[in-house]
Amino acid sequence: MPHASSLKHYRAAADTREAVERTLSEVAAVAAPGSELVLEFIAPASALIPEDGALVNALAAGTARVGEPWLSYFDQAEMEAILRRAGFSSVAHFGPEEAHERYLRGRTDGSRLPGYFRMAKGTTGPVGDRV
């Protein structure tokens, strides 16, 4: 984990697709074999059903108004490719369906996770296997 004084650098680095990939590569390069990184990412509105796409657009507009724009969106295949190029030898995905099954199964109040919710877990392999 970076020192608190460098957190601003890491936050700024997560603002573009290229910077996301560079940051993940840096993390993988210093991680011990078998280390796991879990991250959340936002699916693009165009890849979602209209209701969830509208929610992504509304949330993105709201965060942009307060100075925190969402600049990068990824579908599952893109994130997997980025993690593998970065040096993670295995990648597991966790989307809204899996999260609903794990955390909301059996609820009767209609609660659901939004369709843009995505998580991925990358695991580093042996150093010699990294790209």
Protein backbone atom coordinates (compact mmCIF):
# COMPACT_ATOMS: atom_id res chain seq x y z
CA MET A 1 0.00 0.00 0.00
CA PRO A 2 1.41 3.39 -0.91
CA HIS A 3 2.35 5.89 1.78
CA ALA A 4 -0.40 8.43 2.51
CA SER A 5 1.56 11.21 0.79
CA SER A 6 1.52 9.28 -2.48
CA LEU A 7 -2.18 8.35 -2.38
CA LYS A 8 -3.02 11.45 -4.42
CA HIS A 9 -0.74 10.11 -7.17
CA TYR A 10 -2.51 6.76 -7.16
CA ARG A 11 -5.93 8.41 -7.22
CA ALA A 12 -4.94 10.58 -10.16
CA ALA A 13 -3.43 7.55 -11.88
CA ALA A 14 -6.78 5.77 -11.80
CA ASP A 15 -8.41 8.44 -13.95
CA THR A 16 -7.61 7.04 -17.40
CA ARG A 17 -7.61 3.59 -18.97
CA GLU A 18 -3.86 3.79 -19.61
CA ALA A 19 -3.19 4.86 -16.04
CA VAL A 20 -5.40 2.05 -14.69
CA GLU A 21 -3.37 -0.48 -16.64
CA ARG A 22 -0.05 1.08 -15.58
CA THR A 23 -1.09 1.11 -11.92
CA LEU A 24 -2.21 -2.53 -12.03
CA SER A 25 1.10 -3.48 -13.68
CA GLU A 26 3.02 -1.70 -10.92
CA VAL A 27 1.02 -3.52 -8.25
CA ALA A 28 1.57 -6.92 -9.90
CA ALA A 29 5.30 -6.23 -10.30
CA VAL A 30 5.86 -5.83 -6.56
CA ALA A 31 3.35 -8.40 -5.33
CA ALA A 32 4.52 -11.75 -4.01
CA PRO A 33 3.48 -14.81 -6.05
CA GLY A 34 -0.04 -15.83 -5.08
CA SER A 35 -1.04 -12.31 -4.01
CA GLU A 36 -4.62 -11.33 -4.71
CA LEU A 37 -6.01 -7.95 -5.71
CA VAL A 38 -9.74 -7.33 -5.58
CA LEU A 39 -11.15 -4.30 -7.35
CA GLU A 40 -14.49 -2.86 -8.31
CA PHE A 41 -15.10 -1.35 -11.73
CA ILE A 42 -18.02 0.22 -13.53
CA ALA A 43 -19.53 -1.33 -16.65
CA PRO A 44 -20.24 1.09 -19.52
CA ALA A 45 -23.82 2.31 -19.76
CA SER A 46 -24.04 1.03 -23.34
CA ALA A 47 -23.44 -2.54 -22.14
CA LEU A 48 -26.34 -2.49 -19.67
CA ILE A 49 -30.09 -2.70 -19.82
CA PRO A 50 -31.60 0.78 -20.31
CA GLU A 51 -32.60 1.21 -16.64
CA ASP A 52 -29.08 0.42 -15.37
CA GLY A 53 -27.45 2.43 -18.17
CA ALA A 54 -29.51 5.46 -17.17
CA LEU A 55 -28.44 4.98 -13.56
CA VAL A 56 -24.74 4.88 -14.56
CA ASN A 57 -25.17 8.07 -16.59
CA ALA A 58 -26.99 9.83 -13.73
CA LEU A 59 -24.43 8.79 -11.13
CA ALA A 60 -21.54 9.78 -13.39
CA ALA A 61 -23.09 13.20 -13.99
CA GLY A 62 -23.64 13.68 -10.25
CA THR A 63 -20.10 12.79 -9.30
CA ALA A 64 -18.73 14.99 -12.10
CA ARG A 65 -20.69 17.95 -10.71
CA VAL A 66 -18.84 17.61 -7.41
CA GLY A 67 -15.44 17.29 -9.06
CA GLU A 68 -15.14 13.47 -9.08
CA PRO A 69 -15.79 12.42 -12.68
CA TRP A 70 -15.87 8.76 -13.66
CA LEU A 71 -13.38 8.59 -16.52
CA SER A 72 -12.99 4.88 -17.16
CA TYR A 73 -15.53 2.14 -17.76
CA PHE A 74 -14.74 -1.51 -18.50
CA ASP A 75 -16.65 -4.56 -19.55
CA GLN A 76 -15.67 -7.93 -18.09
CA ALA A 77 -13.49 -8.99 -21.04
CA GLU A 78 -11.60 -5.67 -21.04
CA MET A 79 -10.85 -5.86 -17.33
CA GLU A 80 -9.71 -9.46 -17.61
CA ALA A 81 -7.36 -8.57 -20.48
CA ILE A 82 -5.95 -5.62 -18.53
CA LEU A 83 -5.34 -7.72 -15.41
CA ARG A 84 -3.65 -10.48 -17.43
CA ARG A 85 -1.42 -8.00 -19.30
CA ALA A 86 -0.56 -6.44 -15.93
CA GLY A 87 0.77 -9.77 -14.65
CA PHE A 88 -2.15 -11.43 -12.91
CA SER A 89 -2.15 -15.07 -13.98
CA SER A 90 -5.71 -15.86 -12.93
CA VAL A 91 -8.77 -13.64 -12.90
CA ALA A 92 -12.17 -14.29 -11.32
CA HIS A 93 -15.22 -12.10 -11.86
CA PHE A 94 -18.03 -11.20 -9.47
CA GLY A 95 -20.99 -9.39 -11.00
CA PRO A 96 -24.44 -8.35 -9.84
CA GLU A 97 -25.91 -11.83 -10.23
CA GLU A 98 -23.26 -13.42 -8.00
CA ALA A 99 -23.53 -10.62 -5.47
CA HIS A 100 -27.31 -10.95 -5.38
CA GLU A 101 -27.06 -14.69 -4.82
CA ARG A 102 -24.52 -14.25 -2.03
CA TYR A 103 -25.90 -11.22 -0.21
CA LEU A 104 -29.55 -10.72 -1.13
CA ARG A 105 -30.95 -14.20 -1.75
CA GLY A 106 -34.24 -14.72 0.02
CA ARG A 107 -35.01 -11.03 0.51
CA THR A 108 -38.59 -10.11 -0.19
CA ASP A 109 -38.21 -6.32 -0.37
CA GLY A 110 -37.09 -6.22 -4.03
CA SER A 111 -33.55 -5.14 -3.22
CA ARG A 112 -31.05 -5.71 -5.98
CA LEU A 113 -27.59 -4.55 -6.90
CA PRO A 114 -27.35 -2.25 -9.88
CA GLY A 115 -26.26 -3.84 -13.15
CA TYR A 116 -23.13 -1.70 -13.38
CA PHE A 117 -21.63 -3.39 -10.28
CA ARG A 118 -18.57 -5.44 -11.23
CA MET A 119 -15.67 -6.84 -9.25
CA ALA A 120 -12.62 -8.80 -10.30
CA LYS A 121 -9.97 -10.69 -8.38
CA GLY A 122 -6.56 -11.06 -9.95
CA THR A 123 -3.97 -13.46 -8.55
CA THR A 124 -0.28 -13.13 -9.32
CA GLY A 125 1.59 -16.14 -10.56
CA PRO A 126 5.29 -17.00 -10.28
CA VAL A 127 7.57 -14.09 -11.16
CA GLY A 128 8.83 -15.87 -14.30
CA ASP A 129 5.27 -16.17 -15.63
CA ARG A 130 4.56 -12.44 -15.52
CA VAL A 131 4.36 -10.38 -18.68
